[in-house]
Protein backbone atom coordinates (compact mmCIF):
# COMPACT_ATOMS: atom_id res chain seq x y z
CA UNK A 1 95.08 200.67 69.43
CA UNK A 2 97.22 199.00 66.77
CA UNK A 3 97.65 195.21 67.15
CA UNK A 4 100.95 193.90 68.49
CA UNK A 5 103.45 192.85 65.86
CA UNK A 6 104.10 189.20 65.10
CA UNK A 7 106.99 187.73 67.11
CA UNK A 8 109.99 187.04 64.89
CA UNK A 9 113.30 185.25 65.29
CA UNK A 10 115.28 188.53 65.11
CA UNK A 11 113.09 189.79 67.98
CA UNK A 12 114.01 186.71 70.05
CA UNK A 13 117.70 187.37 69.44
CA UNK A 14 117.20 190.99 70.48
CA UNK A 15 115.49 189.82 73.67
CA UNK A 16 118.48 187.63 74.51
CA UNK A 17 120.89 190.51 73.99
CA UNK A 18 118.80 192.82 76.16
CA UNK A 19 118.29 190.10 78.80
CA UNK A 20 114.51 190.25 78.36
CA UNK A 21 113.03 186.88 79.36
CA UNK A 22 111.26 184.82 76.69
CA UNK A 23 108.10 182.85 77.51
CA UNK A 24 106.93 179.68 75.79
CA UNK A 25 103.98 177.34 76.36
CA UNK A 26 102.47 174.36 74.59
CA UNK A 27 99.09 174.46 72.86
CA UNK A 28 97.19 171.75 71.00
CA UNK A 29 93.92 173.39 69.91
CA UNK A 30 92.38 176.66 68.75
CA UNK A 31 90.87 177.84 72.04
CA UNK A 32 93.98 177.22 74.15
CA UNK A 33 96.25 178.74 71.51
CA UNK A 34 94.07 181.86 71.27
CA UNK A 35 94.14 182.39 75.04
CA UNK A 36 97.91 181.89 75.25
CA UNK A 37 98.50 184.19 72.29
CA UNK A 38 96.32 186.92 73.79
CA UNK A 39 98.22 186.63 77.08
CA UNK A 40 101.39 187.79 75.31
CA UNK A 41 103.44 184.57 75.27
CA UNK A 42 106.22 184.84 72.67
CA UNK A 43 106.47 181.19 71.60
CA UNK A 44 103.79 178.52 71.26
CA UNK A 45 104.98 174.94 70.86
CA UNK A 46 102.65 172.38 69.35
CA UNK A 47 104.41 169.74 71.40
CA UNK A 48 104.37 166.00 70.91
CA UNK A 49 103.42 165.98 74.60
CA UNK A 50 99.90 166.06 73.15
CA UNK A 51 100.27 162.30 72.81
CA UNK A 52 100.10 161.93 76.59
CA UNK A 53 98.06 164.93 77.78
CA UNK A 54 95.50 165.04 74.94
CA UNK A 55 95.47 161.66 73.19
CA UNK A 56 96.11 159.45 76.23
CA UNK A 57 99.16 157.57 74.90
CA UNK A 58 101.71 156.14 77.32
CA UNK A 59 104.55 158.12 75.72
CA UNK A 60 105.28 160.69 73.05
CA UNK A 61 106.74 158.12 70.65
CA UNK A 62 103.28 156.98 69.53
CA UNK A 63 102.40 160.38 68.06
CA UNK A 64 102.27 160.50 64.26
CA UNK A 65 102.98 163.27 61.76
CA UNK A 66 99.31 163.40 60.78
CA UNK A 67 98.26 163.87 64.40
CA UNK A 68 100.83 166.62 64.89
CA UNK A 69 99.75 168.43 61.72
CA UNK A 70 96.07 168.17 62.68
CA UNK A 71 96.70 169.88 66.01
CA UNK A 72 99.18 172.37 64.55
CA UNK A 73 96.57 173.58 62.06
CA UNK A 74 94.10 174.16 64.89
CA UNK A 75 96.69 176.09 66.91
CA UNK A 76 97.65 178.22 63.91
CA UNK A 77 94.04 179.34 63.49
CA UNK A 78 94.03 180.69 67.05
CA UNK A 79 97.27 182.68 66.85
CA UNK A 80 97.97 186.17 65.54
CA UNK A 81 101.11 187.23 67.43
CA UNK A 82 103.05 184.30 68.92
CA UNK A 83 105.66 182.41 66.92
CA UNK A 84 104.29 178.88 66.40
CA UNK A 85 106.70 175.92 66.49
CA UNK A 86 105.82 172.40 65.40
CA UNK A 87 107.43 169.57 67.38
CA UNK A 88 108.75 166.96 64.93
CA UNK A 89 107.51 163.60 66.28
CA UNK A 90 109.45 160.39 66.71
CA UNK A 91 110.67 158.87 63.41
CA UNK A 92 109.79 161.99 61.42
CA UNK A 93 113.43 163.11 61.43
CA UNK A 94 115.12 159.77 62.14
CA UNK A 95 114.80 158.98 58.43
CA UNK A 96 116.57 160.06 55.23
CA UNK A 97 117.51 163.73 54.98
CA UNK A 98 115.15 164.10 52.03
CA UNK A 99 112.18 162.74 53.99
CA UNK A 100 113.20 164.72 57.05
CA UNK A 101 113.17 168.01 55.15
CA UNK A 102 109.83 167.05 53.57
CA UNK A 103 108.33 166.35 56.99
CA UNK A 104 109.67 169.60 58.41
CA UNK A 105 108.31 171.48 55.42
CA UNK A 106 104.81 170.11 56.01
CA UNK A 107 104.68 171.91 59.36
CA UNK A 108 105.11 175.19 57.49
CA UNK A 109 103.21 174.46 54.26
CA UNK A 110 100.35 172.30 55.56
CA UNK A 111 99.95 173.61 59.10
CA UNK A 112 101.18 177.20 58.91
CA UNK A 113 103.83 176.88 61.63
CA UNK A 114 106.71 179.35 61.73
CA UNK A 115 109.40 176.82 62.75
CA UNK A 116 110.03 173.26 63.88
CA UNK A 117 111.73 171.72 66.92
CA UNK A 118 113.95 168.64 66.88
CA UNK A 119 115.38 166.66 69.79
CA UNK A 120 119.06 165.76 69.95
CA UNK A 121 120.12 162.36 68.65
CA UNK A 122 123.35 161.08 67.10
CA UNK A 123 123.81 162.65 63.68
CA UNK A 124 121.36 165.46 64.41
CA UNK A 125 123.86 168.06 63.19
CA UNK A 126 123.36 166.93 59.59
CA UNK A 127 119.60 166.82 60.11
CA UNK A 128 119.47 170.34 61.55
CA UNK A 129 121.68 171.73 58.79
CA UNK A 130 119.58 170.11 56.05
CA UNK A 131 116.36 171.60 57.45
CA UNK A 132 117.93 175.03 57.96
CA UNK A 133 119.43 174.96 54.45
CA UNK A 134 115.91 174.35 53.13
CA UNK A 135 114.88 177.66 54.66
CA UNK A 136 113.03 176.21 57.64
CA UNK A 137 113.79 177.74 61.08
CA UNK A 138 114.83 175.10 63.62
CA UNK A 139 114.79 175.03 67.42
CA UNK A 140 117.05 172.39 68.98
CA UNK A 141 116.51 170.40 72.17
CA UNK A 142 119.20 168.89 74.43
CA UNK A 143 119.45 167.42 77.91
CA UNK A 144 116.53 165.13 78.65
CA UNK A 145 114.99 164.27 75.29
CA UNK A 146 111.62 162.53 75.91
CA UNK A 147 111.53 160.70 72.57
CA UNK A 148 114.69 158.79 73.50
CA UNK A 149 114.40 158.94 77.29
CA UNK A 150 114.55 155.15 77.60
CA UNK A 151 118.12 155.22 76.34
CA UNK A 152 118.98 157.94 78.87
CA UNK A 153 117.90 155.91 81.87
CA UNK A 154 114.35 157.22 81.94
CA UNK A 155 112.95 160.64 82.79
CA UNK A 156 115.71 161.93 85.03
CA UNK A 157 118.08 164.87 85.25
CA UNK A 158 120.91 164.81 82.70
CA UNK A 159 124.40 166.30 82.94
CA UNK A 160 125.01 165.87 86.65
CA UNK A 161 128.62 164.75 86.17
CA UNK A 162 131.32 166.69 84.35
CA UNK A 163 131.56 164.25 81.44
CA UNK A 164 127.84 164.23 80.56
CA UNK A 165 127.57 167.97 81.21
CA UNK A 166 130.36 168.64 78.71
CA UNK A 167 128.61 166.41 76.19
CA UNK A 168 125.35 168.39 76.51
CA UNK A 169 127.28 171.66 76.23
CA UNK A 170 128.94 170.41 73.06
CA UNK A 171 125.58 169.38 71.62
CA UNK A 172 124.08 172.82 72.25
CA UNK A 173 127.03 174.53 70.57
CA UNK A 174 126.77 172.15 67.60
CA UNK A 175 123.09 173.00 67.12
CA UNK A 176 123.93 176.69 67.11
CA UNK A 177 126.66 176.13 64.54
CA UNK A 178 124.18 174.23 62.33
CA UNK A 179 121.92 177.30 62.27
CA UNK A 180 119.32 176.66 64.98
CA UNK A 181 117.71 179.89 66.20
CA UNK A 182 117.22 178.64 69.80
CA UNK A 183 117.75 175.56 71.94
CA UNK A 184 115.65 173.96 74.68
CA UNK A 185 117.55 172.78 77.76
CA UNK A 186 115.52 170.15 79.60
CA UNK A 187 116.24 168.72 83.04
CA UNK A 188 119.85 169.81 83.47
CA UNK A 189 121.57 171.38 86.51
CA UNK A 190 121.23 175.15 86.74
CA UNK A 191 125.00 175.69 86.61
CA UNK A 192 125.22 173.86 83.28
CA UNK A 193 122.28 175.81 81.87
CA UNK A 194 123.97 179.03 82.98
CA UNK A 195 127.23 178.10 81.24
CA UNK A 196 125.46 177.20 78.01
CA UNK A 197 123.29 180.33 78.09
CA UNK A 198 126.31 182.59 78.57
CA UNK A 199 128.32 180.96 75.79
CA UNK A 200 125.62 180.74 73.11
CA UNK A 201 124.53 183.69 71.00
CA UNK A 202 121.09 182.13 70.40
CA UNK A 203 118.41 182.00 73.13
CA UNK A 204 118.16 179.08 75.53
CA UNK A 205 114.70 178.01 76.69
CA UNK A 206 114.72 176.09 79.95
CA UNK A 207 112.39 173.45 81.32
CA UNK A 208 113.72 172.07 84.56
CA UNK A 209 116.98 173.91 83.90
CA UNK A 210 116.89 176.64 86.53
CA UNK A 211 116.48 180.43 86.30
CA UNK A 212 119.49 181.38 84.17
CA UNK A 213 118.12 180.48 80.73
CA UNK A 214 116.97 183.20 78.34
CA UNK A 215 113.42 181.89 78.57
CA UNK A 216 111.19 179.28 80.14
CA UNK A 217 108.72 176.74 78.76
CA UNK A 218 106.11 174.53 80.40
CA UNK A 219 103.47 172.14 79.16
CA UNK A 220 100.29 174.21 79.48
CA UNK A 221 98.32 171.25 80.85
CA UNK A 222 100.86 171.00 83.70
CA UNK A 223 100.77 174.73 84.41
CA UNK A 224 96.96 174.72 84.51
CA UNK A 225 96.61 171.48 86.46
CA UNK A 226 94.73 169.74 83.65
CA UNK A 227 97.05 166.72 83.45
CA UNK A 228 97.15 164.95 86.81
CA UNK A 229 98.83 161.65 85.98
CA UNK A 230 102.25 163.05 86.84
CA UNK A 231 103.63 166.44 87.88
CA UNK A 232 107.38 166.96 87.31
CA UNK A 233 109.43 168.66 90.04
CA UNK A 234 110.11 171.64 87.78
CA UNK A 235 106.42 172.47 87.25
CA UNK A 236 104.67 175.26 89.12
CA UNK A 237 100.89 174.84 88.98
CA UNK A 238 99.10 178.14 88.54
CA UNK A 239 95.60 176.59 88.58
CA UNK A 240 93.78 173.33 89.30
CA UNK A 241 91.63 173.19 86.20
CA UNK A 242 90.96 169.45 86.36
CA UNK A 243 89.35 169.91 89.78
CA UNK A 244 87.45 172.97 88.54
CA UNK A 245 86.13 170.94 85.60
CA UNK A 246 85.02 168.08 87.86
CA UNK A 247 83.24 170.50 90.20
CA UNK A 248 81.53 172.30 87.31
CA UNK A 249 80.43 169.09 85.60
CA UNK A 250 79.11 167.70 88.89
CA UNK A 251 77.11 170.91 89.45
CA UNK A 252 75.65 170.60 85.91
CA UNK A 253 74.71 166.97 86.51
CA UNK A 254 72.97 167.82 89.77
CA UNK A 255 71.11 170.80 88.27
CA UNK A 256 69.78 168.66 85.42
CA UNK A 257 68.68 165.84 87.72
CA UNK A 258 66.96 168.25 90.13
CA UNK A 259 65.25 170.24 87.37
CA UNK A 260 67.23 173.45 87.94
CA UNK A 261 68.73 173.45 84.44
CA UNK A 262 67.75 174.77 82.04
CA UNK A 263 66.17 177.69 83.85
CA UNK A 264 64.19 180.64 82.53
CA UNK A 265 67.42 182.41 81.52
CA UNK A 266 68.42 179.51 79.26
CA UNK A 267 64.97 178.95 77.72
CA UNK A 268 63.47 180.39 74.51
CA UNK A 269 59.80 181.44 74.54
CA UNK A 270 57.10 182.00 71.90
CA UNK A 271 54.83 185.09 71.70
CA UNK A 272 51.40 184.27 73.25
CA UNK A 273 49.53 184.85 70.00
CA UNK A 274 51.80 182.45 68.12
CA UNK A 275 51.47 179.88 70.88
CA UNK A 276 47.68 180.12 70.58
CA UNK A 277 47.81 179.65 66.82
CA UNK A 278 50.07 176.61 67.22
CA UNK A 279 47.72 175.01 69.75
CA UNK A 280 44.77 175.57 67.42
CA UNK A 281 46.66 173.93 64.56
CA UNK A 282 47.73 170.97 66.67
CA UNK A 283 44.36 170.41 68.30
CA UNK A 284 43.80 168.47 71.53
CA UNK A 285 46.70 166.34 72.78
């Protein structure tokens, strides 16, 4: 059977037009990326969420470009079909346009990503346009933007009143006009996400934005129950991998201590004649 074709941006636009739902998950290493890719997920985001769920930072703002590129390269090696997006970390696009484009370009040239994602901030229209004009596909991100959440009153739902909802709507439209191929809507009321989705010609990817978006994204460590420090309301856990890991590691520990591991199945043997020769060479113990 011929391998599935690589996911492309024109394919994502076709999916929006045909109302076919788009799926997106985060990955930070080769093995996870390979499994997600083989499961048929369209988009893989190398998210700066790795700062919290992989590196143990208190927030995403501590993640550096070098850390993002390191993980993006690992993800790229595990993917054959999904479209891989590099999440531009804090301060990588809050700089001069020249440095911003250079940083975005590194995700493609150094790490092999297919696109980058940028969170909304004042002046982001010029940033998005500069990256797009350089030939780099860009996904936008509005609503709750984790890199600047402190200025939004913390990690809480955005756009619950008409004024702020209109502002988020305007931001999404602006990103489309600047050439973004898709936009993430995070932690906004479902009615606002529905309005934006219906008015944009590019796909919307929701996370805590209700069922009306063109696609959905979750942090894979949340979906799998690997990150237990905090579980957002919008997450549905499909597994409890952290508990499975603890149980498995405890079983290994007990087997080693009780002499059950390694067993015969995990042990290499030597032919009897070779064992005899070795004992003759070694002599008495």
